[in-house]
Every structure is written in structure tokens, then in C-alpha cells.
Amino acid sequence: MTKADLIEAVARATELSKKDAEEIVNTFLESIIESLNRGEGVELRGFGSFRIRSRGKRVGRNPRTGESVDVMAKQVPYFKVGKQLKEMINKG
């Protein structure tokens, strides 16, 4: 499913215009991003949670040349699937 598919599904389910549905989806996604940027997690009960993980500085390797490359420390988003979603997926 793409973002456009999601907007279409929201528009159908809510009987809103695609423009209004797009605004809802964009607001939802932007809210998650803003929370993560503030260092806060986002928990959607039954679905999962978004968190930020820190990756330390490390030495990597350029796959073309084999040369060592310093990779700087960074923050990466992480999604952990909720128990209820796992169960729904595994029911078949």
C-alpha cells in the first residue's frame, strides 16, 4: 500500500474528499515525525510503537573499494510491532 492508496482508503471510509483525506494522513504522519524529532516515542496501542535508537560512531567499509570509512553516530527511527497486530497477521 502506498501513501496514495492510504489516502484513497481514508477518503472512502470517511466519505471525505481526497484533499481532506490527504490532509488527515499528512497531519498524522507529520505528528509522528515531530514527536520523534523531540525525542519522544509514539505508541499506537494494538498497532505498534515508533522510537528513536542511537547508533554509535563506527568504522564501515566502502563496498566498491574495500576502503575503511568512518560512519558518524546518528539517530534512526525504529518501529516495534504491537502484540495485537502480530496476532492479527498470524491468524492467516
N, C-alpha and C. Protein backbone atom coordinates (compact mmCIF):
# COMPACT_ATOMS: atom_id res chain seq x y z
N MET A 1 0.85 -1.17 0.00
CA MET A 1 0.00 0.00 0.00
C MET A 1 0.89 1.23 0.00
N THR A 2 0.58 2.16 -0.85
CA THR A 2 1.32 3.42 -0.91
C THR A 2 0.56 4.49 -0.13
N LYS A 3 1.19 5.64 0.02
CA LYS A 3 0.54 6.75 0.70
C LYS A 3 -0.74 7.15 -0.05
N ALA A 4 -0.68 7.15 -1.37
CA ALA A 4 -1.86 7.49 -2.19
C ALA A 4 -2.98 6.48 -1.95
N ASP A 5 -2.64 5.20 -1.83
CA ASP A 5 -3.64 4.16 -1.53
C ASP A 5 -4.27 4.40 -0.16
N LEU A 6 -3.44 4.79 0.80
CA LEU A 6 -3.93 5.06 2.15
C LEU A 6 -4.89 6.25 2.14
N ILE A 7 -4.53 7.29 1.41
CA ILE A 7 -5.40 8.47 1.29
C ILE A 7 -6.73 8.08 0.67
N GLU A 8 -6.69 7.26 -0.36
CA GLU A 8 -7.91 6.78 -1.02
C GLU A 8 -8.77 5.99 -0.05
N ALA A 9 -8.17 5.12 0.75
CA ALA A 9 -8.91 4.31 1.72
C ALA A 9 -9.56 5.20 2.79
N VAL A 10 -8.84 6.20 3.26
CA VAL A 10 -9.39 7.12 4.26
C VAL A 10 -10.55 7.91 3.65
N ALA A 11 -10.39 8.36 2.42
CA ALA A 11 -11.46 9.11 1.76
C ALA A 11 -12.72 8.26 1.62
N ARG A 12 -12.56 7.00 1.22
CA ARG A 12 -13.72 6.10 1.08
C ARG A 12 -14.38 5.82 2.43
N ALA A 13 -13.57 5.52 3.43
CA ALA A 13 -14.11 5.13 4.74
C ALA A 13 -14.81 6.29 5.45
N THR A 14 -14.33 7.51 5.23
CA THR A 14 -14.89 8.66 5.93
C THR A 14 -15.84 9.48 5.07
N GLU A 15 -15.93 9.12 3.80
CA GLU A 15 -16.75 9.86 2.83
C GLU A 15 -16.32 11.33 2.74
N LEU A 16 -15.02 11.55 2.87
CA LEU A 16 -14.44 12.87 2.71
C LEU A 16 -13.82 12.98 1.32
N SER A 17 -13.50 14.20 0.92
CA SER A 17 -12.82 14.38 -0.35
C SER A 17 -11.39 13.86 -0.22
N LYS A 18 -10.78 13.57 -1.36
CA LYS A 18 -9.38 13.11 -1.32
C LYS A 18 -8.48 14.19 -0.72
N LYS A 19 -8.80 15.44 -0.98
CA LYS A 19 -7.99 16.54 -0.44
C LYS A 19 -8.05 16.55 1.08
N ASP A 20 -9.25 16.38 1.64
CA ASP A 20 -9.39 16.35 3.10
C ASP A 20 -8.71 15.11 3.69
N ALA A 21 -8.88 13.98 3.02
CA ALA A 21 -8.25 12.74 3.48
C ALA A 21 -6.72 12.87 3.45
N GLU A 22 -6.21 13.50 2.41
CA GLU A 22 -4.76 13.71 2.30
C GLU A 22 -4.26 14.57 3.45
N GLU A 23 -5.03 15.59 3.82
CA GLU A 23 -4.64 16.46 4.93
C GLU A 23 -4.61 15.67 6.24
N ILE A 24 -5.57 14.78 6.42
CA ILE A 24 -5.61 13.96 7.63
C ILE A 24 -4.39 13.05 7.70
N VAL A 25 -4.10 12.35 6.60
CA VAL A 25 -2.96 11.43 6.56
C VAL A 25 -1.66 12.19 6.77
N ASN A 26 -1.50 13.33 6.09
CA ASN A 26 -0.28 14.11 6.25
C ASN A 26 -0.11 14.63 7.67
N THR A 27 -1.20 15.07 8.31
CA THR A 27 -1.14 15.55 9.68
C THR A 27 -0.74 14.42 10.62
N PHE A 28 -1.30 13.25 10.40
CA PHE A 28 -0.96 12.08 11.21
C PHE A 28 0.53 11.76 11.11
N LEU A 29 1.04 11.68 9.90
CA LEU A 29 2.45 11.35 9.69
C LEU A 29 3.37 12.45 10.22
N GLU A 30 3.01 13.70 10.00
CA GLU A 30 3.83 14.81 10.49
C GLU A 30 3.88 14.81 12.02
N SER A 31 2.77 14.45 12.66
CA SER A 31 2.74 14.39 14.13
C SER A 31 3.70 13.33 14.65
N ILE A 32 3.76 12.20 13.99
CA ILE A 32 4.71 11.15 14.38
C ILE A 32 6.14 11.65 14.22
N ILE A 33 6.44 12.26 13.09
CA ILE A 33 7.78 12.76 12.81
C ILE A 33 8.19 13.82 13.83
N GLU A 34 7.27 14.76 14.14
CA GLU A 34 7.58 15.81 15.12
C GLU A 34 7.86 15.22 16.49
N SER A 35 7.09 14.24 16.91
CA SER A 35 7.32 13.60 18.20
C SER A 35 8.68 12.92 18.25
N LEU A 36 9.03 12.22 17.18
CA LEU A 36 10.34 11.55 17.13
C LEU A 36 11.47 12.57 17.13
N ASN A 37 11.28 13.69 16.44
CA ASN A 37 12.31 14.74 16.43
C ASN A 37 12.51 15.34 17.81
N ARG A 38 11.47 15.35 18.65
CA ARG A 38 11.59 15.85 20.02
C ARG A 38 12.14 14.79 20.96
N GLY A 39 12.40 13.60 20.43
CA GLY A 39 12.94 12.52 21.24
C GLY A 39 11.88 11.72 21.96
N GLU A 40 10.62 11.95 21.62
CA GLU A 40 9.52 11.23 22.24
C GLU A 40 9.15 10.02 21.40
N GLY A 41 8.69 8.98 22.04
CA GLY A 41 8.18 7.82 21.32
C GLY A 41 6.72 8.03 20.98
N VAL A 42 6.21 7.24 20.07
CA VAL A 42 4.80 7.26 19.69
C VAL A 42 4.27 5.85 19.84
N GLU A 43 3.24 5.68 20.65
CA GLU A 43 2.67 4.36 20.86
C GLU A 43 1.23 4.34 20.38
N LEU A 44 0.94 3.42 19.46
CA LEU A 44 -0.40 3.22 18.95
C LEU A 44 -0.84 1.84 19.44
N ARG A 45 -1.58 1.81 20.53
CA ARG A 45 -1.96 0.54 21.16
C ARG A 45 -2.60 -0.40 20.16
N GLY A 46 -2.13 -1.64 20.19
CA GLY A 46 -2.64 -2.66 19.30
C GLY A 46 -1.96 -2.67 17.94
N PHE A 47 -1.26 -1.60 17.60
CA PHE A 47 -0.59 -1.50 16.30
C PHE A 47 0.91 -1.61 16.45
N GLY A 48 1.50 -0.73 17.27
CA GLY A 48 2.94 -0.75 17.47
C GLY A 48 3.43 0.57 18.00
N SER A 49 4.73 0.69 18.10
CA SER A 49 5.32 1.92 18.61
C SER A 49 6.52 2.33 17.77
N PHE A 50 6.68 3.65 17.68
CA PHE A 50 7.82 4.25 16.99
C PHE A 50 8.74 4.80 18.04
N ARG A 51 10.02 4.56 17.89
CA ARG A 51 11.03 5.05 18.82
C ARG A 51 12.26 5.51 18.01
N ILE A 52 13.13 6.22 18.70
CA ILE A 52 14.40 6.62 18.11
C ILE A 52 15.49 5.80 18.78
N ARG A 53 16.36 5.23 17.99
CA ARG A 53 17.52 4.50 18.52
C ARG A 53 18.79 5.24 18.11
N SER A 54 19.75 5.21 19.00
CA SER A 54 21.04 5.84 18.72
C SER A 54 22.01 4.79 18.19
N ARG A 55 22.67 5.13 17.13
CA ARG A 55 23.74 4.27 16.61
C ARG A 55 25.05 5.02 16.80
N GLY A 56 25.98 4.37 17.43
CA GLY A 56 27.27 4.99 17.71
C GLY A 56 28.15 5.11 16.47
N LYS A 57 29.19 5.89 16.61
CA LYS A 57 30.17 6.04 15.55
C LYS A 57 30.85 4.69 15.33
N ARG A 58 31.12 4.37 14.07
CA ARG A 58 31.76 3.09 13.77
C ARG A 58 32.59 3.23 12.50
N VAL A 59 33.38 2.22 12.25
CA VAL A 59 34.17 2.18 11.02
C VAL A 59 33.46 1.24 10.06
N GLY A 60 33.11 1.75 8.89
CA GLY A 60 32.45 0.95 7.86
C GLY A 60 33.42 0.65 6.74
N ARG A 61 32.90 0.07 5.67
CA ARG A 61 33.74 -0.28 4.54
C ARG A 61 33.04 0.11 3.26
N ASN A 62 33.77 0.75 2.35
CA ASN A 62 33.26 1.07 1.03
C ASN A 62 33.20 -0.23 0.24
N PRO A 63 32.00 -0.67 -0.19
CA PRO A 63 31.89 -1.96 -0.86
C PRO A 63 32.61 -2.02 -2.21
N ARG A 64 32.78 -0.89 -2.86
CA ARG A 64 33.47 -0.89 -4.17
C ARG A 64 34.97 -1.01 -4.03
N THR A 65 35.52 -0.25 -3.07
CA THR A 65 36.97 -0.18 -2.98
C THR A 65 37.54 -0.99 -1.81
N GLY A 66 36.68 -1.32 -0.85
CA GLY A 66 37.15 -2.03 0.34
C GLY A 66 37.80 -1.10 1.35
N GLU A 67 37.85 0.20 1.04
CA GLU A 67 38.48 1.19 1.89
C GLU A 67 37.65 1.42 3.16
N SER A 68 38.32 1.60 4.30
CA SER A 68 37.64 1.89 5.55
C SER A 68 37.09 3.31 5.52
N VAL A 69 35.87 3.46 6.08
CA VAL A 69 35.21 4.76 6.09
C VAL A 69 34.63 4.97 7.49
N ASP A 70 34.82 6.17 8.05
CA ASP A 70 34.21 6.50 9.33
C ASP A 70 32.74 6.82 9.12
N VAL A 71 31.88 6.14 9.87
CA VAL A 71 30.45 6.40 9.83
C VAL A 71 30.09 7.10 11.13
N MET A 72 29.56 8.31 11.01
CA MET A 72 29.25 9.13 12.17
C MET A 72 28.07 8.55 12.97
N ALA A 73 28.00 8.89 14.24
CA ALA A 73 26.88 8.50 15.10
C ALA A 73 25.61 9.15 14.56
N LYS A 74 24.49 8.46 14.72
CA LYS A 74 23.24 9.02 14.22
C LYS A 74 22.05 8.44 14.97
N GLN A 75 20.93 9.10 14.80
CA GLN A 75 19.66 8.67 15.35
C GLN A 75 18.87 8.02 14.22
N VAL A 76 18.25 6.87 14.48
CA VAL A 76 17.45 6.21 13.45
C VAL A 76 16.09 5.85 14.01
N PRO A 77 15.03 6.02 13.20
CA PRO A 77 13.70 5.63 13.66
C PRO A 77 13.57 4.12 13.68
N TYR A 78 12.78 3.62 14.61
CA TYR A 78 12.59 2.19 14.79
C TYR A 78 11.11 1.95 15.05
N PHE A 79 10.54 0.92 14.43
CA PHE A 79 9.15 0.55 14.66
C PHE A 79 9.09 -0.84 15.27
N LYS A 80 8.37 -0.96 16.36
CA LYS A 80 8.17 -2.25 17.01
C LYS A 80 6.70 -2.61 16.88
N VAL A 81 6.42 -3.75 16.28
CA VAL A 81 5.06 -4.20 16.04
C VAL A 81 4.39 -4.56 17.36
N GLY A 82 3.14 -4.16 17.52
CA GLY A 82 2.37 -4.47 18.71
C GLY A 82 1.88 -5.91 18.72
N LYS A 83 1.61 -6.42 19.90
CA LYS A 83 1.17 -7.80 20.07
C LYS A 83 -0.12 -8.09 19.30
N GLN A 84 -1.08 -7.19 19.39
CA GLN A 84 -2.37 -7.40 18.72
C GLN A 84 -2.21 -7.46 17.20
N LEU A 85 -1.37 -6.60 16.63
CA LEU A 85 -1.13 -6.63 15.19
C LEU A 85 -0.45 -7.93 14.78
N LYS A 86 0.53 -8.37 15.56
CA LYS A 86 1.19 -9.65 15.27
C LYS A 86 0.17 -10.78 15.23
N GLU A 87 -0.70 -10.80 16.23
CA GLU A 87 -1.72 -11.87 16.29
C GLU A 87 -2.66 -11.80 15.10
N MET A 88 -3.06 -10.61 14.69
CA MET A 88 -3.97 -10.46 13.54
C MET A 88 -3.31 -10.92 12.25
N ILE A 89 -2.03 -10.64 12.09
CA ILE A 89 -1.29 -11.04 10.90
C ILE A 89 -1.12 -12.55 10.85
N ASN A 90 -0.85 -13.15 12.00
CA ASN A 90 -0.56 -14.58 12.04
C ASN A 90 -1.80 -15.47 12.07
N LYS A 91 -2.98 -14.88 12.15
CA LYS A 91 -4.20 -15.68 12.09
C LYS A 91 -4.43 -16.23 10.69
N GLY A 92 -3.83 -15.57 9.72
CA GLY A 92 -3.91 -16.08 8.35
C GLY A 92 -4.89 -15.33 7.59
